[in-house]
């Protein structure tokens, strides 16, 4: 069976070949760890805690590289997003 689009469960969001799940580790574009994903929204965006605050990383920036979740943003970009 072929399903196109997003399939949402309570624990993870699947977008194409990328699985964004609560508790998964997320890396920044420069390879540094951003920490564990705290929450996944219905659109696949991930919430992470950086410097004591919660920030949302857009799903459109998240992919996998070498089996790891990676955002195309750097920590500075996430903290300074408007």
C-alpha atoms as a PDB file:
ATOM      1  CA  UNK A   1       0.000   0.000   0.000  1.00  0.00           C
ATOM      2  CA  UNK A   2       1.336   3.464  -0.914  1.00  0.00           C
ATOM      3  CA  UNK A   3       0.413   6.412   1.285  1.00  0.00           C
ATOM      4  CA  UNK A   4       1.348   9.923   0.266  1.00  0.00           C
ATOM      5  CA  UNK A   5       1.685  12.864   2.598  1.00  0.00           C
ATOM      6  CA  UNK A   6       1.953  12.906   6.373  1.00  0.00           C
ATOM      7  CA  UNK A   7       0.807  10.167   8.701  1.00  0.00           C
ATOM      8  CA  UNK A   8       0.468  11.329  12.297  1.00  0.00           C
ATOM      9  CA  UNK A   9       0.613   9.194  15.436  1.00  0.00           C
ATOM     10  CA  UNK A  10       0.810  10.239  19.063  1.00  0.00           C
ATOM     11  CA  UNK A  11       4.562   9.630  19.218  1.00  0.00           C
ATOM     12  CA  UNK A  12       5.963  10.551  15.823  1.00  0.00           C
ATOM     13  CA  UNK A  13       5.349  12.242  12.510  1.00  0.00           C
ATOM     14  CA  UNK A  14       6.456  10.573   9.287  1.00  0.00           C
ATOM     15  CA  UNK A  15       7.261  12.789   6.312  1.00  0.00           C
ATOM     16  CA  UNK A  16       8.614  10.909   3.318  1.00  0.00           C
ATOM     17  CA  UNK A  17      11.615   8.982   4.719  1.00  0.00           C
ATOM     18  CA  UNK A  18      12.091  11.207   7.779  1.00  0.00           C
ATOM     19  CA  UNK A  19      10.672  10.147  11.151  1.00  0.00           C
ATOM     20  CA  UNK A  20      10.566  12.970  13.696  1.00  0.00           C
ATOM     21  CA  UNK A  21       9.859  11.474  17.116  1.00  0.00           C
ATOM     22  CA  UNK A  22       9.750  12.728  20.694  1.00  0.00           C
ATOM     23  CA  UNK A  23      12.999  11.828  22.436  1.00  0.00           C
ATOM     24  CA  UNK A  24      15.030  11.573  19.222  1.00  0.00           C
ATOM     25  CA  UNK A  25      18.270  13.547  19.148  1.00  0.00           C
ATOM     26  CA  UNK A  26      18.464  16.454  16.726  1.00  0.00           C
ATOM     27  CA  UNK A  27      21.685  17.852  15.265  1.00  0.00           C
ATOM     28  CA  UNK A  28      22.301  21.338  13.907  1.00  0.00           C
ATOM     29  CA  UNK A  29      23.659  22.043  10.428  1.00  0.00           C
ATOM     30  CA  UNK A  30      27.170  22.374  11.850  1.00  0.00           C
ATOM     31  CA  UNK A  31      26.980  18.872  13.387  1.00  0.00           C
ATOM     32  CA  UNK A  32      26.515  19.989  16.972  1.00  0.00           C
ATOM     33  CA  UNK A  33      23.853  18.274  19.048  1.00  0.00           C
ATOM     34  CA  UNK A  34      20.773  20.365  19.831  1.00  0.00           C
ATOM     35  CA  UNK A  35      19.446  17.761  22.254  1.00  0.00           C
ATOM     36  CA  UNK A  36      16.355  15.607  22.443  1.00  0.00           C
ATOM     37  CA  UNK A  37      13.102  16.522  20.732  1.00  0.00           C
ATOM     38  CA  UNK A  38      10.570  17.421  23.426  1.00  0.00           C
ATOM     39  CA  UNK A  39       7.427  17.574  21.283  1.00  0.00           C
ATOM     40  CA  UNK A  40       6.396  16.916  17.680  1.00  0.00           C
ATOM     41  CA  UNK A  41       3.612  19.010  16.149  1.00  0.00           C
ATOM     42  CA  UNK A  42       1.134  17.679  13.618  1.00  0.00           C
ATOM     43  CA  UNK A  43       3.060  19.391  10.815  1.00  0.00           C
ATOM     44  CA  UNK A  44       6.275  17.586  11.800  1.00  0.00           C
ATOM     45  CA  UNK A  45       7.983  20.546  13.431  1.00  0.00           C
ATOM     46  CA  UNK A  46      10.072  19.659  16.477  1.00  0.00           C
ATOM     47  CA  UNK A  47      10.347  21.467  19.809  1.00  0.00           C
ATOM     48  CA  UNK A  48      13.740  21.469  21.511  1.00  0.00           C
ATOM     49  CA  UNK A  49      15.045  23.141  24.650  1.00  0.00           C
ATOM     50  CA  UNK A  50      17.988  25.467  24.051  1.00  0.00           C
ATOM     51  CA  UNK A  51      19.470  27.674  26.761  1.00  0.00           C
ATOM     52  CA  UNK A  52      16.492  26.975  29.021  1.00  0.00           C
ATOM     53  CA  UNK A  53      13.805  27.957  26.482  1.00  0.00           C
ATOM     54  CA  UNK A  54      11.645  25.958  24.097  1.00  0.00           C
ATOM     55  CA  UNK A  55      12.197  26.588  20.388  1.00  0.00           C
ATOM     56  CA  UNK A  56      10.384  25.161  17.370  1.00  0.00           C
ATOM     57  CA  UNK A  57      12.410  23.752  14.479  1.00  0.00           C
ATOM     58  CA  UNK A  58      10.356  23.748  11.240  1.00  0.00           C
ATOM     59  CA  UNK A  59       9.746  20.341   9.675  1.00  0.00           C
ATOM     60  CA  UNK A  60      10.881  21.692   6.308  1.00  0.00           C
ATOM     61  CA  UNK A  61      14.414  22.037   7.735  1.00  0.00           C
ATOM     62  CA  UNK A  62      14.656  18.491   9.142  1.00  0.00           C
ATOM     63  CA  UNK A  63      16.170  15.569   7.234  1.00  0.00           C
ATOM     64  CA  UNK A  64      18.278  12.516   7.961  1.00  0.00           C
ATOM     65  CA  UNK A  65      22.011  12.228   7.414  1.00  0.00           C
ATOM     66  CA  UNK A  66      23.880   9.033   8.243  1.00  0.00           C
ATOM     67  CA  UNK A  67      20.820   7.816  10.146  1.00  0.00           C
ATOM     68  CA  UNK A  68      20.620  10.937  12.336  1.00  0.00           C
ATOM     69  CA  UNK A  69      18.027  13.716  12.404  1.00  0.00           C
ATOM     70  CA  UNK A  70      19.597  16.956  11.196  1.00  0.00           C
ATOM     71  CA  UNK A  71      18.190  20.431  10.719  1.00  0.00           C
ATOM     72  CA  UNK A  72      19.584  22.729   8.040  1.00  0.00           C
ATOM     73  CA  UNK A  73      19.667  25.459  10.710  1.00  0.00           C
ATOM     74  CA  UNK A  74      22.406  26.246  13.192  1.00  0.00           C
ATOM     75  CA  UNK A  75      21.644  26.817  16.878  1.00  0.00           C
ATOM     76  CA  UNK A  76      22.029  30.577  16.390  1.00  0.00           C
ATOM     77  CA  UNK A  77      19.476  30.496  13.538  1.00  0.00           C
ATOM     78  CA  UNK A  78      16.933  28.661  15.695  1.00  0.00           C
ATOM     79  CA  UNK A  79      17.336  30.967  18.699  1.00  0.00           C
ATOM     80  CA  UNK A  80      17.118  34.105  16.538  1.00  0.00           C
ATOM     81  CA  UNK A  81      14.193  33.024  14.308  1.00  0.00           C
ATOM     82  CA  UNK A  82      11.329  35.507  14.191  1.00  0.00           C
END
